Amino acid sequence: MADHALLYDADCGFCMLTVDILLRWDRHSRLRPVPIQGPEGVRLLPDLSEPERLASFHLVGPDRAVRSGGAALPLLLRLLPAGGPAAALLGASPRATDRGYHWIADHRTQLSRTIPQRLKTGAQERVSRLAAAAPAAG
C-alpha cells in the first residue's frame, strides 16, 4: 500500500523518466506518484510557492512530513528494495547529497535532451496512468 506521496514535475521528461524508474523499483508499492502541478500537489505542499514546488521533487510521508530534494533521497531509497546501502551513503553526507541533487535539478532540461523521446513518452504514459489510478490521500 502506497504510504508516501512522490511529487514530481509532470512537464519534465527527465523527471518523468526518473519517477518511472523509481516506480518500477518500488516492488512493494510504497510510493504514490503525484504531479506537483495538480490539485493534490498544491494541497500536499501548501506552504510552498509554485516556483518552490517545481524546484525539486518532494516526498510526503504518512505523517504529512515533507522532505524535498537531496534531503528526501535517503528516505526515498530506504523505501525501495535493497535501497538501504545507497540511503546510508547519501545520508552520511547530506551536504554533498544536496549539492549533487541540486546540480542535477538545475541541469534537468539539458539532461532531458539526452534522453530519446520514445523513452520519455513511455515513461510519461506509465507514470500518468499510475498517478491517475492512485487514490488521493485523505
N, C-alpha and C. Protein backbone atom coordinates (compact mmCIF):
# COMPACT_ATOMS: atom_id res chain seq x y z
N MET A 1 0.84 -1.19 0.00
CA MET A 1 0.00 0.00 0.00
C MET A 1 0.88 1.25 0.00
N ALA A 2 0.62 2.16 -0.91
CA ALA A 2 1.40 3.38 -1.04
C ALA A 2 1.19 4.27 0.18
N ASP A 3 2.26 4.52 0.91
CA ASP A 3 2.14 5.36 2.10
C ASP A 3 2.95 6.65 1.99
N HIS A 4 3.63 6.83 0.87
CA HIS A 4 4.41 8.06 0.64
C HIS A 4 4.05 8.63 -0.72
N ALA A 5 3.69 9.91 -0.74
CA ALA A 5 3.41 10.59 -2.00
C ALA A 5 4.74 11.09 -2.57
N LEU A 6 4.99 10.75 -3.82
CA LEU A 6 6.18 11.19 -4.54
C LEU A 6 5.73 12.26 -5.52
N LEU A 7 6.04 13.51 -5.20
CA LEU A 7 5.61 14.63 -6.03
C LEU A 7 6.69 14.97 -7.04
N TYR A 8 6.28 15.08 -8.31
CA TYR A 8 7.22 15.27 -9.41
C TYR A 8 6.69 16.31 -10.39
N ASP A 9 7.59 16.85 -11.20
CA ASP A 9 7.25 17.82 -12.24
C ASP A 9 6.78 17.04 -13.47
N ALA A 10 5.48 17.11 -13.74
CA ALA A 10 4.89 16.37 -14.85
C ALA A 10 5.28 16.93 -16.21
N ASP A 11 5.91 18.10 -16.25
CA ASP A 11 6.31 18.70 -17.52
C ASP A 11 7.78 18.49 -17.83
N CYS A 12 8.46 17.69 -17.03
CA CYS A 12 9.90 17.46 -17.17
C CYS A 12 10.14 16.01 -17.62
N GLY A 13 10.66 15.84 -18.81
CA GLY A 13 10.92 14.49 -19.32
C GLY A 13 11.92 13.72 -18.47
N PHE A 14 12.97 14.38 -18.01
CA PHE A 14 13.96 13.73 -17.15
C PHE A 14 13.30 13.29 -15.84
N CYS A 15 12.45 14.16 -15.29
CA CYS A 15 11.76 13.84 -14.03
C CYS A 15 10.83 12.65 -14.22
N MET A 16 10.09 12.65 -15.31
CA MET A 16 9.16 11.55 -15.57
C MET A 16 9.90 10.23 -15.71
N LEU A 17 11.03 10.23 -16.42
CA LEU A 17 11.81 9.01 -16.58
C LEU A 17 12.34 8.54 -15.22
N THR A 18 12.79 9.46 -14.40
CA THR A 18 13.30 9.12 -13.08
C THR A 18 12.19 8.52 -12.21
N VAL A 19 11.02 9.13 -12.22
CA VAL A 19 9.89 8.61 -11.45
C VAL A 19 9.48 7.23 -11.98
N ASP A 20 9.49 7.06 -13.28
CA ASP A 20 9.16 5.76 -13.87
C ASP A 20 10.12 4.68 -13.36
N ILE A 21 11.40 4.99 -13.32
CA ILE A 21 12.40 4.04 -12.83
C ILE A 21 12.14 3.73 -11.35
N LEU A 22 11.87 4.77 -10.56
CA LEU A 22 11.60 4.56 -9.13
C LEU A 22 10.36 3.71 -8.91
N LEU A 23 9.32 3.94 -9.68
CA LEU A 23 8.09 3.17 -9.52
C LEU A 23 8.27 1.72 -9.94
N ARG A 24 9.11 1.47 -10.93
CA ARG A 24 9.41 0.09 -11.32
C ARG A 24 10.22 -0.61 -10.22
N TRP A 25 11.10 0.15 -9.57
CA TRP A 25 11.93 -0.39 -8.48
C TRP A 25 11.07 -0.66 -7.24
N ASP A 26 10.01 0.09 -7.07
CA ASP A 26 9.15 0.04 -5.90
C ASP A 26 8.21 -1.17 -5.94
N ARG A 27 8.79 -2.36 -5.80
CA ARG A 27 8.00 -3.60 -5.92
C ARG A 27 6.98 -3.77 -4.79
N HIS A 28 7.15 -3.02 -3.70
CA HIS A 28 6.21 -3.13 -2.58
C HIS A 28 5.17 -2.02 -2.59
N SER A 29 5.16 -1.24 -3.66
CA SER A 29 4.17 -0.17 -3.86
C SER A 29 4.09 0.80 -2.68
N ARG A 30 5.23 1.28 -2.25
CA ARG A 30 5.29 2.25 -1.14
C ARG A 30 5.07 3.68 -1.63
N LEU A 31 5.29 3.91 -2.93
CA LEU A 31 5.23 5.26 -3.49
C LEU A 31 3.95 5.47 -4.30
N ARG A 32 3.39 6.66 -4.15
CA ARG A 32 2.22 7.05 -4.93
C ARG A 32 2.60 8.30 -5.72
N PRO A 33 2.66 8.21 -7.05
CA PRO A 33 3.06 9.37 -7.84
C PRO A 33 1.99 10.45 -7.84
N VAL A 34 2.43 11.70 -7.63
CA VAL A 34 1.52 12.84 -7.60
C VAL A 34 2.18 13.98 -8.38
N PRO A 35 1.54 14.46 -9.46
CA PRO A 35 2.12 15.59 -10.18
C PRO A 35 2.07 16.85 -9.30
N ILE A 36 3.18 17.56 -9.25
CA ILE A 36 3.25 18.79 -8.47
C ILE A 36 2.21 19.80 -8.96
N GLN A 37 1.98 19.83 -10.27
CA GLN A 37 1.10 20.84 -10.86
C GLN A 37 -0.39 20.57 -10.60
N GLY A 38 -0.76 19.40 -10.14
CA GLY A 38 -2.17 19.07 -9.94
C GLY A 38 -2.69 19.58 -8.61
N PRO A 39 -4.00 19.47 -8.42
CA PRO A 39 -4.61 19.97 -7.18
C PRO A 39 -4.08 19.27 -5.93
N GLU A 40 -3.78 17.97 -6.03
CA GLU A 40 -3.25 17.28 -4.85
C GLU A 40 -1.84 17.76 -4.54
N GLY A 41 -1.06 18.05 -5.57
CA GLY A 41 0.28 18.58 -5.35
C GLY A 41 0.23 19.89 -4.59
N VAL A 42 -0.69 20.75 -4.97
CA VAL A 42 -0.85 22.04 -4.27
C VAL A 42 -1.31 21.79 -2.83
N ARG A 43 -2.24 20.86 -2.64
CA ARG A 43 -2.78 20.57 -1.31
C ARG A 43 -1.72 19.96 -0.38
N LEU A 44 -0.85 19.10 -0.94
CA LEU A 44 0.17 18.46 -0.11
C LEU A 44 1.33 19.38 0.23
N LEU A 45 1.49 20.45 -0.54
CA LEU A 45 2.60 21.39 -0.32
C LEU A 45 2.07 22.81 -0.13
N PRO A 46 1.20 23.02 0.85
CA PRO A 46 0.52 24.32 0.98
C PRO A 46 1.45 25.47 1.35
N ASP A 47 2.57 25.18 1.96
CA ASP A 47 3.47 26.25 2.41
C ASP A 47 4.50 26.65 1.36
N LEU A 48 4.44 26.02 0.18
CA LEU A 48 5.42 26.31 -0.86
C LEU A 48 4.76 27.06 -2.02
N SER A 49 5.47 28.04 -2.54
CA SER A 49 5.00 28.74 -3.73
C SER A 49 5.18 27.82 -4.94
N GLU A 50 4.59 28.17 -6.06
CA GLU A 50 4.74 27.33 -7.25
C GLU A 50 6.21 27.16 -7.65
N PRO A 51 7.01 28.23 -7.69
CA PRO A 51 8.44 28.02 -8.01
C PRO A 51 9.15 27.11 -7.01
N GLU A 52 8.81 27.20 -5.73
CA GLU A 52 9.41 26.32 -4.73
C GLU A 52 8.97 24.87 -4.94
N ARG A 53 7.70 24.67 -5.29
CA ARG A 53 7.22 23.31 -5.55
C ARG A 53 7.95 22.70 -6.74
N LEU A 54 8.18 23.51 -7.78
CA LEU A 54 8.79 23.00 -9.00
C LEU A 54 10.32 22.93 -8.94
N ALA A 55 10.92 23.45 -7.89
CA ALA A 55 12.38 23.46 -7.79
C ALA A 55 12.97 22.09 -7.53
N SER A 56 12.18 21.15 -6.98
CA SER A 56 12.70 19.83 -6.67
C SER A 56 11.54 18.85 -6.53
N PHE A 57 11.88 17.59 -6.38
CA PHE A 57 10.85 16.61 -6.07
C PHE A 57 10.60 16.66 -4.57
N HIS A 58 9.46 16.13 -4.15
CA HIS A 58 9.10 16.14 -2.74
C HIS A 58 8.55 14.77 -2.36
N LEU A 59 8.80 14.38 -1.15
CA LEU A 59 8.29 13.13 -0.61
C LEU A 59 7.47 13.48 0.63
N VAL A 60 6.19 13.10 0.63
CA VAL A 60 5.31 13.39 1.75
C VAL A 60 4.93 12.06 2.38
N GLY A 61 5.29 11.91 3.65
CA GLY A 61 5.04 10.66 4.36
C GLY A 61 3.65 10.60 4.96
N PRO A 62 3.32 9.46 5.54
CA PRO A 62 2.01 9.29 6.17
C PRO A 62 1.78 10.27 7.32
N ASP A 63 2.87 10.79 7.89
CA ASP A 63 2.76 11.77 8.97
C ASP A 63 2.64 13.20 8.43
N ARG A 64 2.55 13.32 7.09
CA ARG A 64 2.44 14.60 6.37
C ARG A 64 3.74 15.40 6.37
N ALA A 65 4.83 14.82 6.90
CA ALA A 65 6.12 15.49 6.86
C ALA A 65 6.58 15.56 5.40
N VAL A 66 7.08 16.72 5.01
CA VAL A 66 7.55 16.95 3.65
C VAL A 66 9.07 16.97 3.66
N ARG A 67 9.65 16.17 2.80
CA ARG A 67 11.10 16.20 2.58
C ARG A 67 11.30 16.48 1.10
N SER A 68 12.27 17.33 0.81
CA SER A 68 12.44 17.77 -0.57
C SER A 68 13.88 17.64 -1.04
N GLY A 69 14.03 17.43 -2.35
CA GLY A 69 15.35 17.42 -2.96
C GLY A 69 16.29 16.42 -2.33
N GLY A 70 17.53 16.84 -2.16
CA GLY A 70 18.57 15.96 -1.62
C GLY A 70 18.24 15.43 -0.24
N ALA A 71 17.53 16.21 0.57
CA ALA A 71 17.17 15.78 1.92
C ALA A 71 16.18 14.61 1.89
N ALA A 72 15.46 14.45 0.79
CA ALA A 72 14.48 13.37 0.68
C ALA A 72 15.08 12.08 0.15
N LEU A 73 16.25 12.16 -0.47
CA LEU A 73 16.81 10.97 -1.12
C LEU A 73 17.09 9.79 -0.19
N PRO A 74 17.69 9.98 1.00
CA PRO A 74 17.90 8.81 1.85
C PRO A 74 16.61 8.09 2.23
N LEU A 75 15.57 8.85 2.60
CA LEU A 75 14.30 8.22 2.94
C LEU A 75 13.71 7.51 1.72
N LEU A 76 13.74 8.17 0.59
CA LEU A 76 13.21 7.56 -0.64
C LEU A 76 13.89 6.22 -0.91
N LEU A 77 15.19 6.19 -0.82
CA LEU A 77 15.92 4.95 -1.09
C LEU A 77 15.63 3.88 -0.05
N ARG A 78 15.43 4.28 1.21
CA ARG A 78 15.10 3.29 2.25
C ARG A 78 13.74 2.63 2.00
N LEU A 79 12.87 3.30 1.27
CA LEU A 79 11.56 2.74 0.95
C LEU A 79 11.63 1.69 -0.15
N LEU A 80 12.73 1.66 -0.88
CA LEU A 80 12.86 0.78 -2.04
C LEU A 80 13.64 -0.48 -1.70
N PRO A 81 13.28 -1.61 -2.32
CA PRO A 81 14.01 -2.85 -2.06
C PRO A 81 15.51 -2.68 -2.33
N ALA A 82 16.32 -3.09 -1.38
CA ALA A 82 17.78 -3.04 -1.46
C ALA A 82 18.32 -1.61 -1.59
N GLY A 83 17.52 -0.63 -1.22
CA GLY A 83 17.99 0.76 -1.29
C GLY A 83 18.73 1.22 -0.06
N GLY A 84 18.78 0.39 0.98
CA GLY A 84 19.41 0.78 2.24
C GLY A 84 20.85 1.21 2.14
N PRO A 85 21.73 0.45 1.45
CA PRO A 85 23.12 0.89 1.37
C PRO A 85 23.29 2.26 0.69
N ALA A 86 22.57 2.49 -0.39
CA ALA A 86 22.67 3.80 -1.05
C ALA A 86 22.09 4.89 -0.15
N ALA A 87 21.02 4.57 0.58
CA ALA A 87 20.44 5.54 1.51
C ALA A 87 21.45 5.90 2.60
N ALA A 88 22.15 4.91 3.12
CA ALA A 88 23.15 5.15 4.16
C ALA A 88 24.28 6.03 3.63
N LEU A 89 24.71 5.76 2.42
CA LEU A 89 25.78 6.54 1.80
C LEU A 89 25.36 8.00 1.64
N LEU A 90 24.17 8.22 1.09
CA LEU A 90 23.70 9.60 0.88
C LEU A 90 23.40 10.29 2.20
N GLY A 91 22.87 9.53 3.16
CA GLY A 91 22.58 10.10 4.47
C GLY A 91 23.81 10.47 5.26
N ALA A 92 24.92 9.81 4.98
CA ALA A 92 26.18 10.09 5.69
C ALA A 92 26.81 11.41 5.26
N SER A 93 26.40 11.90 4.10
CA SER A 93 26.99 13.14 3.58
C SER A 93 25.88 14.05 3.03
N PRO A 94 25.04 14.59 3.92
CA PRO A 94 23.87 15.34 3.45
C PRO A 94 24.21 16.58 2.62
N ARG A 95 25.29 17.26 2.96
CA ARG A 95 25.64 18.46 2.17
C ARG A 95 26.04 18.08 0.76
N ALA A 96 26.85 17.04 0.62
CA ALA A 96 27.25 16.59 -0.72
C ALA A 96 26.04 16.06 -1.49
N THR A 97 25.17 15.34 -0.81
CA THR A 97 23.96 14.81 -1.45
C THR A 97 23.11 15.96 -1.96
N ASP A 98 22.92 16.98 -1.13
CA ASP A 98 22.10 18.12 -1.53
C ASP A 98 22.74 18.87 -2.70
N ARG A 99 24.05 19.07 -2.66
CA ARG A 99 24.73 19.74 -3.78
C ARG A 99 24.59 18.94 -5.07
N GLY A 100 24.79 17.62 -4.98
CA GLY A 100 24.64 16.77 -6.16
C GLY A 100 23.23 16.79 -6.70
N TYR A 101 22.25 16.71 -5.81
CA TYR A 101 20.86 16.76 -6.23
C TYR A 101 20.57 18.07 -6.95
N HIS A 102 20.99 19.19 -6.35
CA HIS A 102 20.69 20.49 -6.95
C HIS A 102 21.41 20.69 -8.28
N TRP A 103 22.59 20.12 -8.44
CA TRP A 103 23.26 20.20 -9.74
C TRP A 103 22.39 19.50 -10.79
N ILE A 104 21.92 18.31 -10.46
CA ILE A 104 21.07 17.57 -11.41
C ILE A 104 19.77 18.35 -11.67
N ALA A 105 19.14 18.83 -10.62
CA ALA A 105 17.88 19.57 -10.78
C ALA A 105 18.08 20.82 -11.63
N ASP A 106 19.19 21.51 -11.42
CA ASP A 106 19.47 22.72 -12.20
C ASP A 106 19.77 22.42 -13.67
N HIS A 107 20.15 21.20 -13.97
CA HIS A 107 20.50 20.82 -15.35
C HIS A 107 19.53 19.82 -15.96
N ARG A 108 18.36 19.68 -15.36
CA ARG A 108 17.42 18.66 -15.84
C ARG A 108 16.94 18.91 -17.26
N THR A 109 16.84 20.16 -17.68
CA THR A 109 16.44 20.43 -19.06
C THR A 109 17.49 19.91 -20.02
N GLN A 110 18.76 20.19 -19.74
CA GLN A 110 19.84 19.70 -20.60
C GLN A 110 19.92 18.17 -20.55
N LEU A 111 19.76 17.60 -19.36
CA LEU A 111 19.80 16.14 -19.23
C LEU A 111 18.65 15.50 -20.00
N SER A 112 17.50 16.13 -19.97
CA SER A 112 16.33 15.61 -20.67
C SER A 112 16.58 15.52 -22.18
N ARG A 113 17.34 16.45 -22.69
CA ARG A 113 17.64 16.46 -24.14
C ARG A 113 18.45 15.24 -24.57
N THR A 114 19.14 14.60 -23.63
CA THR A 114 19.96 13.44 -23.97
C THR A 114 19.16 12.14 -23.97
N ILE A 115 17.92 12.20 -23.52
CA ILE A 115 17.07 11.01 -23.42
C ILE A 115 16.23 10.89 -24.67
N PRO A 116 16.24 9.74 -25.33
CA PRO A 116 15.41 9.57 -26.53
C PRO A 116 13.93 9.84 -26.22
N GLN A 117 13.27 10.50 -27.15
CA GLN A 117 11.86 10.88 -26.96
C GLN A 117 10.98 9.67 -26.67
N ARG A 118 11.25 8.54 -27.29
CA ARG A 118 10.40 7.36 -27.07
C ARG A 118 10.45 6.91 -25.62
N LEU A 119 11.63 7.05 -24.97
CA LEU A 119 11.74 6.69 -23.55
C LEU A 119 10.96 7.66 -22.68
N LYS A 120 11.06 8.96 -22.99
CA LYS A 120 10.32 9.96 -22.21
C LYS A 120 8.82 9.79 -22.39
N THR A 121 8.39 9.49 -23.61
CA THR A 121 6.96 9.31 -23.88
C THR A 121 6.44 8.09 -23.14
N GLY A 122 7.16 6.98 -23.21
CA GLY A 122 6.75 5.77 -22.49
C GLY A 122 6.67 6.00 -21.00
N ALA A 123 7.67 6.70 -20.44
CA ALA A 123 7.68 6.99 -19.01
C ALA A 123 6.49 7.87 -18.64
N GLN A 124 6.24 8.89 -19.45
CA GLN A 124 5.12 9.78 -19.17
C GLN A 124 3.80 9.04 -19.20
N GLU A 125 3.62 8.15 -20.15
CA GLU A 125 2.37 7.38 -20.22
C GLU A 125 2.20 6.48 -18.99
N ARG A 126 3.27 5.78 -18.60
CA ARG A 126 3.18 4.88 -17.44
C ARG A 126 2.94 5.65 -16.14
N VAL A 127 3.71 6.69 -15.93
CA VAL A 127 3.58 7.45 -14.68
C VAL A 127 2.23 8.14 -14.61
N SER A 128 1.79 8.72 -15.71
CA SER A 128 0.48 9.39 -15.73
C SER A 128 -0.64 8.40 -15.45
N ARG A 129 -0.54 7.22 -16.01
CA ARG A 129 -1.55 6.18 -15.78
C ARG A 129 -1.57 5.78 -14.29
N LEU A 130 -0.40 5.58 -13.71
CA LEU A 130 -0.32 5.21 -12.29
C LEU A 130 -0.82 6.35 -11.39
N ALA A 131 -0.47 7.59 -11.74
CA ALA A 131 -0.90 8.73 -10.93
C ALA A 131 -2.42 8.87 -10.98
N ALA A 132 -3.01 8.64 -12.15
CA ALA A 132 -4.47 8.77 -12.28
C ALA A 132 -5.18 7.65 -11.52
N ALA A 133 -4.55 6.47 -11.44
CA ALA A 133 -5.18 5.33 -10.79
C ALA A 133 -5.02 5.35 -9.27
N ALA A 134 -4.03 6.11 -8.77
CA ALA A 134 -3.75 6.12 -7.33
C ALA A 134 -4.77 6.98 -6.61
N PRO A 135 -5.36 6.45 -5.55
CA PRO A 135 -6.32 7.28 -4.79
C PRO A 135 -5.60 8.40 -4.06
N ALA A 136 -6.22 9.55 -4.03
CA ALA A 136 -5.64 10.70 -3.32
C ALA A 136 -5.65 10.44 -1.82
N ALA A 137 -4.66 10.99 -1.16
CA ALA A 137 -4.58 10.87 0.29
C ALA A 137 -5.66 11.72 0.93
N GLY A 138 -6.17 11.25 2.04
CA GLY A 138 -7.25 11.96 2.73
C GLY A 138 -6.83 13.14 3.50
